[in-house]
Amino acid sequence: MSSFPERARQAENPELSVRQRLLALKDCVTRFPLYGHQASWQHLISWARIPLRLEDDLDSLTRAVAELRGARELWLPLTAEFAARRRAEKAVGRRSIPLRDRWLTRPLQVYCPNPALRPVESMARVVARVVAAHQDGSAFGRDCVVCGSGRPVEQACPGCGVSILGRWPWMWR
């Protein structure tokens, strides 16, 4: 199985067939499904303006990869730093993960239960807001960390569709 960077290169490679490039992009979404697979795919289609006939705009696949890669590049350094910190903590005998860091043990997913309702901003901007909210402790407050509108704590935001708590109900218990 190929990695995200390899599949991203394939999606951007003009020498490959349109079908191969599209499948490579779908694999990239499978490896980094920020909003959940279906909502992430729908976001990329609209964000990159991918036409029904891909031959009409082959650059749309490159735009979609760039959108997904931008968000992923914000997330990867955080996980690398967390892994290095955890190795150092384990070396000195600290085995339990502090509550403030438990969100880093899961893949980042700004879950959108309704694929038709998802953030309209770039994925990178959404990732930056979610990470900042987790770091300052406001991720589980009453306001949506993505769009700022008020929402019930255990439900998806009516404005942008994001449900930070949708995947991990143990975090708010």
C-alpha atoms as a PDB file:
ATOM      1  CA  MET A   1       0.000   0.000   0.000  1.00  0.00           C
ATOM      2  CA  SER A   2       1.311   3.417  -0.980  1.00  0.00           C
ATOM      3  CA  SER A   3       1.703   6.386   1.294  1.00  0.00           C
ATOM      4  CA  PHE A   4      -0.145   9.692   1.175  1.00  0.00           C
ATOM      5  CA  PRO A   5       2.812  11.540  -0.432  1.00  0.00           C
ATOM      6  CA  GLU A   6       3.153   8.883  -3.127  1.00  0.00           C
ATOM      7  CA  ARG A   7      -0.563   8.886  -3.942  1.00  0.00           C
ATOM      8  CA  ALA A   8      -0.560  12.708  -3.965  1.00  0.00           C
ATOM      9  CA  ARG A   9       2.294  12.697  -6.500  1.00  0.00           C
ATOM     10  CA  GLN A  10       0.328  10.245  -8.619  1.00  0.00           C
ATOM     11  CA  ALA A  11      -2.803  12.418  -8.465  1.00  0.00           C
ATOM     12  CA  GLU A  12      -0.748  15.368  -9.732  1.00  0.00           C
ATOM     13  CA  ASN A  13       1.124  13.390 -12.405  1.00  0.00           C
ATOM     14  CA  PRO A  14      -0.099  14.445 -15.874  1.00  0.00           C
ATOM     15  CA  GLU A  15       1.496  11.363 -17.446  1.00  0.00           C
ATOM     16  CA  LEU A  16      -0.988   9.041 -15.706  1.00  0.00           C
ATOM     17  CA  SER A  17      -4.490   8.420 -16.987  1.00  0.00           C
ATOM     18  CA  VAL A  18      -7.351  10.490 -15.608  1.00  0.00           C
ATOM     19  CA  ARG A  19      -8.757   7.398 -13.905  1.00  0.00           C
ATOM     20  CA  GLN A  20      -5.451   6.620 -12.173  1.00  0.00           C
ATOM     21  CA  ARG A  21      -5.150  10.209 -10.995  1.00  0.00           C
ATOM     22  CA  LEU A  22      -8.696  10.262  -9.627  1.00  0.00           C
ATOM     23  CA  LEU A  23      -8.169   6.979  -7.773  1.00  0.00           C
ATOM     24  CA  ALA A  24      -4.946   8.367  -6.311  1.00  0.00           C
ATOM     25  CA  LEU A  25      -6.852  11.418  -5.042  1.00  0.00           C
ATOM     26  CA  LYS A  26      -9.491   9.166  -3.485  1.00  0.00           C
ATOM     27  CA  ASP A  27      -6.713   7.252  -1.722  1.00  0.00           C
ATOM     28  CA  CYS A  28      -5.375  10.544  -0.371  1.00  0.00           C
ATOM     29  CA  VAL A  29      -8.811  11.301   1.086  1.00  0.00           C
ATOM     30  CA  THR A  30      -8.908   7.798   2.585  1.00  0.00           C
ATOM     31  CA  ARG A  31      -5.573   8.437   4.307  1.00  0.00           C
ATOM     32  CA  PHE A  32      -6.556  11.891   5.622  1.00  0.00           C
ATOM     33  CA  PRO A  33     -10.374  12.105   5.907  1.00  0.00           C
ATOM     34  CA  LEU A  34     -10.523  15.386   7.808  1.00  0.00           C
ATOM     35  CA  TYR A  35     -14.325  15.772   7.704  1.00  0.00           C
ATOM     36  CA  GLY A  36     -15.003  12.063   7.360  1.00  0.00           C
ATOM     37  CA  HIS A  37     -14.501  10.428   3.971  1.00  0.00           C
ATOM     38  CA  GLN A  38     -17.705  11.502   2.232  1.00  0.00           C
ATOM     39  CA  ALA A  39     -17.722  15.097   3.508  1.00  0.00           C
ATOM     40  CA  SER A  40     -13.992  15.489   2.726  1.00  0.00           C
ATOM     41  CA  TRP A  41     -14.570  14.219  -0.793  1.00  0.00           C
ATOM     42  CA  GLN A  42     -17.515  16.590  -1.285  1.00  0.00           C
ATOM     43  CA  HIS A  43     -15.415  19.483   0.037  1.00  0.00           C
ATOM     44  CA  LEU A  44     -12.593  18.748  -2.404  1.00  0.00           C
ATOM     45  CA  ILE A  45     -14.993  18.499  -5.340  1.00  0.00           C
ATOM     46  CA  SER A  46     -16.459  21.912  -4.596  1.00  0.00           C
ATOM     47  CA  TRP A  47     -13.224  23.593  -3.391  1.00  0.00           C
ATOM     48  CA  ALA A  48     -11.149  22.479  -6.372  1.00  0.00           C
ATOM     49  CA  ARG A  49     -14.107  22.835  -8.777  1.00  0.00           C
ATOM     50  CA  ILE A  50     -13.663  19.293 -10.088  1.00  0.00           C
ATOM     51  CA  PRO A  51     -15.892  18.962 -13.171  1.00  0.00           C
ATOM     52  CA  LEU A  52     -17.952  15.918 -14.067  1.00  0.00           C
ATOM     53  CA  ARG A  53     -15.709  15.416 -17.084  1.00  0.00           C
ATOM     54  CA  LEU A  54     -12.228  15.568 -15.608  1.00  0.00           C
ATOM     55  CA  GLU A  55     -10.719  16.050 -19.047  1.00  0.00           C
ATOM     56  CA  ASP A  56     -12.239  19.549 -19.041  1.00  0.00           C
ATOM     57  CA  ASP A  57     -10.036  20.656 -16.100  1.00  0.00           C
ATOM     58  CA  LEU A  58      -7.190  18.335 -15.166  1.00  0.00           C
ATOM     59  CA  ASP A  59      -5.675  21.029 -12.949  1.00  0.00           C
ATOM     60  CA  SER A  60      -8.617  20.558 -10.568  1.00  0.00           C
ATOM     61  CA  LEU A  61      -7.000  17.360  -9.286  1.00  0.00           C
ATOM     62  CA  THR A  62      -3.837  19.303  -8.479  1.00  0.00           C
ATOM     63  CA  ARG A  63      -5.897  21.941  -6.637  1.00  0.00           C
ATOM     64  CA  ALA A  64      -7.651  19.219  -4.645  1.00  0.00           C
ATOM     65  CA  VAL A  65      -4.359  17.603  -3.648  1.00  0.00           C
ATOM     66  CA  ALA A  66      -2.955  20.989  -2.631  1.00  0.00           C
ATOM     67  CA  GLU A  67      -6.023  21.630  -0.433  1.00  0.00           C
ATOM     68  CA  LEU A  68      -5.700  18.272   1.310  1.00  0.00           C
ATOM     69  CA  ARG A  69      -1.914  18.485   1.592  1.00  0.00           C
ATOM     70  CA  GLY A  70      -2.088  21.946   3.184  1.00  0.00           C
ATOM     71  CA  ALA A  71      -4.270  20.676   6.017  1.00  0.00           C
ATOM     72  CA  ARG A  72      -2.192  17.539   6.488  1.00  0.00           C
ATOM     73  CA  GLU A  73       1.043  19.543   6.685  1.00  0.00           C
ATOM     74  CA  LEU A  74      -0.348  21.481   9.636  1.00  0.00           C
ATOM     75  CA  TRP A  75      -1.304  18.280  11.437  1.00  0.00           C
ATOM     76  CA  LEU A  76       1.831  16.146  10.921  1.00  0.00           C
ATOM     77  CA  PRO A  77       4.301  18.325  12.888  1.00  0.00           C
ATOM     78  CA  LEU A  78       1.952  18.240  15.880  1.00  0.00           C
ATOM     79  CA  THR A  79       1.802  14.462  15.874  1.00  0.00           C
ATOM     80  CA  ALA A  80       5.560  14.182  15.425  1.00  0.00           C
ATOM     81  CA  GLU A  81       6.163  16.532  18.368  1.00  0.00           C
ATOM     82  CA  PHE A  82       3.645  14.622  20.490  1.00  0.00           C
ATOM     83  CA  ALA A  83       5.306  11.280  19.650  1.00  0.00           C
ATOM     84  CA  ALA A  84       8.741  12.610  20.590  1.00  0.00           C
ATOM     85  CA  ARG A  85       7.387  14.060  23.843  1.00  0.00           C
ATOM     86  CA  ARG A  86       5.634  10.772  24.696  1.00  0.00           C
ATOM     87  CA  ARG A  87       8.828   8.790  24.116  1.00  0.00           C
ATOM     88  CA  ALA A  88      10.668  11.102  26.517  1.00  0.00           C
ATOM     89  CA  GLU A  89       7.856  10.846  29.098  1.00  0.00           C
ATOM     90  CA  LYS A  90       7.807   7.063  28.876  1.00  0.00           C
ATOM     91  CA  ALA A  91      11.569   6.941  29.301  1.00  0.00           C
ATOM     92  CA  VAL A  92      11.213   8.624  32.687  1.00  0.00           C
ATOM     93  CA  GLY A  93       8.319   6.384  33.709  1.00  0.00           C
ATOM     94  CA  ARG A  94       5.247   8.524  32.913  1.00  0.00           C
ATOM     95  CA  ARG A  95       2.912   6.119  31.160  1.00  0.00           C
ATOM     96  CA  SER A  96      -0.437   7.887  31.325  1.00  0.00           C
ATOM     97  CA  ILE A  97      -1.330  10.590  28.838  1.00  0.00           C
ATOM     98  CA  PRO A  98      -2.518  13.868  30.361  1.00  0.00           C
ATOM     99  CA  LEU A  99      -6.141  14.717  29.552  1.00  0.00           C
ATOM    100  CA  ARG A 100      -5.115  17.833  27.647  1.00  0.00           C
ATOM    101  CA  ASP A 101      -3.129  15.663  25.186  1.00  0.00           C
ATOM    102  CA  ARG A 102      -5.550  12.804  24.598  1.00  0.00           C
ATOM    103  CA  TRP A 103      -6.940  14.420  21.463  1.00  0.00           C
ATOM    104  CA  LEU A 104      -3.502  13.935  19.891  1.00  0.00           C
ATOM    105  CA  THR A 105      -3.771  10.153  20.227  1.00  0.00           C
ATOM    106  CA  ARG A 106      -6.538   9.991  17.609  1.00  0.00           C
ATOM    107  CA  PRO A 107      -6.465  10.920  13.930  1.00  0.00           C
ATOM    108  CA  LEU A 108      -7.572  14.514  13.519  1.00  0.00           C
ATOM    109  CA  GLN A 109     -11.112  14.447  12.298  1.00  0.00           C
ATOM    110  CA  VAL A 110     -13.378  17.438  12.232  1.00  0.00           C
ATOM    111  CA  TYR A 111     -16.347  15.163  11.769  1.00  0.00           C
ATOM    112  CA  CYS A 112     -19.218  16.353   9.572  1.00  0.00           C
ATOM    113  CA  PRO A 113     -22.102  13.870   9.939  1.00  0.00           C
ATOM    114  CA  ASN A 114     -23.948  15.494   7.015  1.00  0.00           C
ATOM    115  CA  PRO A 115     -21.625  15.592   3.959  1.00  0.00           C
ATOM    116  CA  ALA A 116     -23.730  18.370   2.415  1.00  0.00           C
ATOM    117  CA  LEU A 117     -23.061  20.666   5.391  1.00  0.00           C
ATOM    118  CA  ARG A 118     -19.351  21.243   5.922  1.00  0.00           C
ATOM    119  CA  PRO A 119     -17.036  24.249   6.381  1.00  0.00           C
ATOM    120  CA  VAL A 120     -16.610  26.464   3.338  1.00  0.00           C
ATOM    121  CA  GLU A 121     -13.130  27.670   4.271  1.00  0.00           C
ATOM    122  CA  SER A 122      -9.924  25.898   3.350  1.00  0.00           C
ATOM    123  CA  MET A 123      -9.128  22.712   5.223  1.00  0.00           C
ATOM    124  CA  ALA A 124      -5.845  24.221   6.433  1.00  0.00           C
ATOM    125  CA  ARG A 125      -7.679  27.128   8.085  1.00  0.00           C
ATOM    126  CA  VAL A 126     -10.117  24.703   9.731  1.00  0.00           C
ATOM    127  CA  VAL A 127      -7.262  22.529  11.024  1.00  0.00           C
ATOM    128  CA  ALA A 128      -5.487  25.594  12.420  1.00  0.00           C
ATOM    129  CA  ARG A 129      -8.643  26.671  14.279  1.00  0.00           C
ATOM    130  CA  VAL A 130      -9.314  23.191  15.673  1.00  0.00           C
ATOM    131  CA  VAL A 131      -5.720  22.761  16.827  1.00  0.00           C
ATOM    132  CA  ALA A 132      -5.714  26.203  18.455  1.00  0.00           C
ATOM    133  CA  ALA A 133      -8.994  25.399  20.215  1.00  0.00           C
ATOM    134  CA  HIS A 134      -7.611  22.130  21.571  1.00  0.00           C
ATOM    135  CA  GLN A 135      -4.436  23.822  22.726  1.00  0.00           C
ATOM    136  CA  ASP A 136      -6.224  26.641  24.559  1.00  0.00           C
ATOM    137  CA  GLY A 137      -8.951  24.359  25.921  1.00  0.00           C
ATOM    138  CA  SER A 138     -11.888  25.928  24.102  1.00  0.00           C
ATOM    139  CA  ALA A 139     -12.560  22.950  21.801  1.00  0.00           C
ATOM    140  CA  PHE A 140     -15.341  21.617  23.995  1.00  0.00           C
ATOM    141  CA  GLY A 141     -17.058  24.893  24.784  1.00  0.00           C
ATOM    142  CA  ARG A 142     -20.454  26.115  23.664  1.00  0.00           C
ATOM    143  CA  ASP A 143     -19.239  27.879  20.520  1.00  0.00           C
ATOM    144  CA  CYS A 144     -18.162  26.129  17.345  1.00  0.00           C
ATOM    145  CA  VAL A 145     -14.376  26.359  16.980  1.00  0.00           C
ATOM    146  CA  VAL A 146     -14.629  26.469  13.196  1.00  0.00           C
ATOM    147  CA  CYS A 147     -17.290  29.113  12.497  1.00  0.00           C
ATOM    148  CA  GLY A 148     -17.870  30.610  15.951  1.00  0.00           C
ATOM    149  CA  SER A 149     -21.627  30.086  16.058  1.00  0.00           C
ATOM    150  CA  GLY A 150     -23.274  28.709  19.166  1.00  0.00           C
ATOM    151  CA  ARG A 151     -24.177  25.036  19.211  1.00  0.00           C
ATOM    152  CA  PRO A 152     -25.328  22.354  21.626  1.00  0.00           C
ATOM    153  CA  VAL A 153     -22.241  20.650  23.091  1.00  0.00           C
ATOM    154  CA  GLU A 154     -23.044  17.161  21.870  1.00  0.00           C
ATOM    155  CA  GLN A 155     -24.346  18.039  18.403  1.00  0.00           C
ATOM    156  CA  ALA A 156     -23.035  19.189  15.074  1.00  0.00           C
ATOM    157  CA  CYS A 157     -22.857  22.927  14.472  1.00  0.00           C
ATOM    158  CA  PRO A 158     -25.920  24.137  12.551  1.00  0.00           C
ATOM    159  CA  GLY A 159     -23.752  26.694  10.732  1.00  0.00           C
ATOM    160  CA  CYS A 160     -20.903  24.600   9.358  1.00  0.00           C
ATOM    161  CA  GLY A 161     -21.858  21.016  10.232  1.00  0.00           C
ATOM    162  CA  VAL A 162     -18.769  20.295  12.341  1.00  0.00           C
ATOM    163  CA  SER A 163     -19.035  17.958  15.290  1.00  0.00           C
ATOM    164  CA  ILE A 164     -15.765  18.010  17.208  1.00  0.00           C
ATOM    165  CA  LEU A 165     -17.251  15.635  19.768  1.00  0.00           C
ATOM    166  CA  GLY A 166     -18.982  13.413  17.237  1.00  0.00           C
ATOM    167  CA  ARG A 167     -16.287  10.769  17.200  1.00  0.00           C
ATOM    168  CA  TRP A 168     -15.102  10.782  20.802  1.00  0.00           C
ATOM    169  CA  PRO A 169     -17.980  10.974  23.273  1.00  0.00           C
ATOM    170  CA  TRP A 170     -15.696   9.777  26.080  1.00  0.00           C
ATOM    171  CA  MET A 171     -13.980  13.184  26.013  1.00  0.00           C
ATOM    172  CA  TRP A 172     -17.021  15.086  27.290  1.00  0.00           C
ATOM    173  CA  ARG A 173     -18.083  12.629  29.964  1.00  0.00           C
END
